[in-house]
Amino acid sequence: IELDKLDAKIFEAFDLFDQERNKTIDTRELGTVMRSLGLCPSESEINELMPQLENVPPNGYINYETFLPVIGQILIDESYAPLPEEEIVRAFQTFDPEKTGIVDPEVLEKHMMTKGEVFTREEMDEMLATAVDVQKNGVNYRDFATLLASRTKIN
């Protein structure tokens, strides 16, 4: 991706969350902005980035001038890249012992809200709203993995 296009994409994502229209975003929006750029950082990775990005002294905001070079380099280096589709499928297969291609939403919810980097109720509801195949009464994880992989590509 060309640098001008990259800068424009970064600005566009940042600008969506610049509520005050003063080239700053709330630090709580960092993960959302990064994910809108196709990055997939964990919450702990976001917390590790925060000291590089937050205003000095820390005031809960990130300036665009600080954000651009850091996030630009992350995109160029392809850091925090999404998992490949097949890895996502393999992760879902652990919840599908019969290899039906469908995972029970309740089983998924139990694990996603109690293990690892846990989902909030809102995040879980959003995921299930997108993932559940109503006709099959479950998550067709191959289709969902394809959707996740396609949503995170940046051009």
Protein backbone atom coordinates (compact mmCIF):
# COMPACT_ATOMS: atom_id res chain seq x y z
CA ILE A 1 0.00 0.00 0.00
CA GLU A 2 1.34 3.45 -0.91
CA LEU A 3 2.29 5.76 1.96
CA ASP A 4 -0.18 8.48 0.91
CA LYS A 5 -3.00 5.94 0.83
CA LEU A 6 -1.84 4.48 4.13
CA ASP A 7 -1.79 7.92 5.78
CA ALA A 8 -5.26 8.66 4.37
CA LYS A 9 -6.65 5.36 5.72
CA ILE A 10 -5.14 6.02 9.15
CA PHE A 11 -6.52 9.57 9.19
CA GLU A 12 -9.97 8.36 8.12
CA ALA A 13 -10.08 5.77 10.92
CA PHE A 14 -8.76 8.24 13.51
CA ASP A 15 -11.12 11.00 12.40
CA LEU A 16 -14.19 8.80 12.95
CA PHE A 17 -13.39 8.73 16.66
CA ASP A 18 -12.22 12.34 17.02
CA GLN A 19 -15.34 13.48 18.87
CA GLU A 20 -14.00 16.96 19.72
CA ARG A 21 -12.66 17.55 16.18
CA ASN A 22 -9.30 18.55 17.65
CA LYS A 23 -7.15 15.70 16.27
CA THR A 24 -7.38 13.65 19.46
CA ILE A 25 -9.12 10.42 20.42
CA ASP A 26 -9.98 9.01 23.81
CA THR A 27 -7.45 6.34 24.83
CA ARG A 28 -10.38 3.94 25.37
CA GLU A 29 -10.99 4.02 21.59
CA LEU A 30 -7.48 2.88 20.64
CA GLY A 31 -8.41 -0.79 20.18
CA THR A 32 -11.49 0.07 18.14
CA VAL A 33 -9.52 2.40 15.85
CA MET A 34 -6.79 -0.21 15.39
CA ARG A 35 -9.34 -2.92 14.61
CA SER A 36 -11.04 -0.65 12.07
CA LEU A 37 -7.67 -0.61 10.29
CA GLY A 38 -7.63 -4.41 10.07
CA LEU A 39 -5.33 -4.91 13.04
CA CYS A 40 -6.11 -7.51 15.69
CA PRO A 41 -4.31 -6.52 18.90
CA SER A 42 -5.20 -8.13 22.21
CA GLU A 43 -6.17 -5.91 25.13
CA SER A 44 -2.75 -6.51 26.71
CA GLU A 45 -1.02 -5.47 23.46
CA ILE A 46 -3.13 -2.30 23.40
CA ASN A 47 -2.10 -1.58 26.99
CA GLU A 48 1.58 -2.08 26.04
CA LEU A 49 1.23 0.45 23.20
CA MET A 50 -0.48 3.07 25.34
CA PRO A 51 2.67 4.69 26.83
CA GLN A 52 3.97 5.38 23.29
CA LEU A 53 0.70 6.96 22.22
CA GLU A 54 -0.97 8.72 25.15
CA ASN A 55 -0.35 12.43 25.63
CA VAL A 56 2.36 13.45 28.08
CA PRO A 57 1.44 13.98 30.82
CA PRO A 58 -1.24 11.29 30.42
CA ASN A 59 -4.70 12.84 30.13
CA GLY A 60 -6.76 10.06 28.56
CA TYR A 61 -6.22 11.27 24.98
CA ILE A 62 -4.03 10.40 22.00
CA ASN A 63 -2.96 13.06 19.46
CA TYR A 64 -3.04 12.28 15.75
CA GLU A 65 0.58 13.44 15.32
CA THR A 66 1.69 10.75 17.79
CA PHE A 67 -0.73 8.13 16.47
CA LEU A 68 0.18 8.36 12.76
CA PRO A 69 3.85 7.28 12.84
CA VAL A 70 3.32 4.50 15.40
CA ILE A 71 0.26 2.98 13.72
CA GLY A 72 1.75 3.55 10.26
CA GLN A 73 4.81 1.52 11.22
CA ILE A 74 2.62 -1.20 12.75
CA LEU A 75 0.69 -1.47 9.47
CA ILE A 76 3.88 -1.51 7.38
CA ASP A 77 5.41 -4.20 9.63
CA GLU A 78 2.13 -6.14 9.53
CA SER A 79 2.16 -6.41 13.32
CA TYR A 80 -1.06 -7.52 15.04
CA ALA A 81 -2.14 -9.26 11.85
CA PRO A 82 -5.31 -11.33 12.00
CA LEU A 83 -5.05 -15.08 12.22
CA PRO A 84 -5.27 -16.93 8.92
CA GLU A 85 -8.71 -18.35 8.17
CA GLU A 86 -7.57 -21.95 8.71
CA GLU A 87 -6.27 -21.14 12.21
CA ILE A 88 -9.63 -19.61 13.10
CA VAL A 89 -11.36 -22.76 11.83
CA ARG A 90 -9.05 -24.98 13.91
CA ALA A 91 -9.85 -22.94 17.02
CA PHE A 92 -13.59 -23.42 16.47
CA GLN A 93 -13.13 -27.15 15.80
CA THR A 94 -12.14 -27.65 19.44
CA PHE A 95 -15.79 -26.92 20.27
CA ASP A 96 -17.08 -29.33 17.60
CA PRO A 97 -16.06 -32.86 18.69
CA GLU A 98 -18.49 -34.48 16.21
CA LYS A 99 -16.99 -32.44 13.33
CA THR A 100 -20.40 -31.21 12.14
CA GLY A 101 -19.13 -27.76 11.15
CA ILE A 102 -21.58 -26.19 13.62
CA VAL A 103 -20.84 -25.01 17.17
CA ASP A 104 -23.53 -24.59 19.81
CA PRO A 105 -23.70 -20.85 20.66
CA GLU A 106 -24.08 -21.63 24.38
CA VAL A 107 -20.87 -23.68 24.40
CA LEU A 108 -19.05 -20.91 22.57
CA GLU A 109 -20.46 -18.27 24.90
CA LYS A 110 -19.40 -20.21 27.99
CA HIS A 111 -15.78 -20.35 26.82
CA MET A 112 -15.58 -16.86 25.33
CA MET A 113 -16.91 -15.22 28.48
CA THR A 114 -14.84 -17.17 31.01
CA LYS A 115 -11.48 -18.12 29.49
CA GLY A 116 -8.52 -16.19 28.11
CA GLU A 117 -9.23 -12.62 27.09
CA VAL A 118 -12.92 -12.71 28.04
CA PHE A 119 -15.67 -11.10 25.99
CA THR A 120 -18.10 -8.66 27.56
CA ARG A 121 -21.82 -9.40 27.30
CA GLU A 122 -22.10 -6.75 24.57
CA GLU A 123 -19.19 -8.21 22.57
CA MET A 124 -20.65 -11.70 22.87
CA ASP A 125 -24.10 -10.54 21.75
CA GLU A 126 -22.56 -8.74 18.76
CA MET A 127 -20.55 -11.78 17.77
CA LEU A 128 -23.49 -14.16 18.07
CA ALA A 129 -25.76 -11.79 16.12
CA THR A 130 -23.31 -12.05 13.23
CA ALA A 131 -22.20 -15.66 13.66
CA VAL A 132 -25.32 -17.70 14.41
CA ASP A 133 -26.93 -19.47 11.46
CA VAL A 134 -30.59 -19.44 12.52
CA GLN A 135 -31.53 -22.33 10.21
CA LYS A 136 -28.83 -24.56 11.70
CA ASN A 137 -29.28 -23.19 15.24
CA GLY A 138 -25.55 -22.73 15.67
CA VAL A 139 -22.38 -21.10 14.42
CA ASN A 140 -21.21 -22.39 11.04
CA TYR A 141 -17.61 -21.72 11.91
CA ARG A 142 -16.19 -22.12 8.38
CA ASP A 143 -18.49 -19.36 7.12
CA PHE A 144 -17.76 -17.25 10.19
CA ALA A 145 -13.98 -17.71 9.83
CA THR A 146 -14.24 -16.61 6.19
CA LEU A 147 -16.19 -13.53 7.28
CA LEU A 148 -13.66 -12.67 10.00
CA ALA A 149 -10.70 -13.09 7.67
CA SER A 150 -12.28 -10.96 4.94
CA ARG A 151 -13.27 -8.15 7.32
CA THR A 152 -9.76 -7.66 8.59
CA LYS A 153 -7.97 -7.19 5.27
CA ILE A 154 -6.87 -3.64 4.52
CA ASN A 155 -6.16 -2.47 0.95
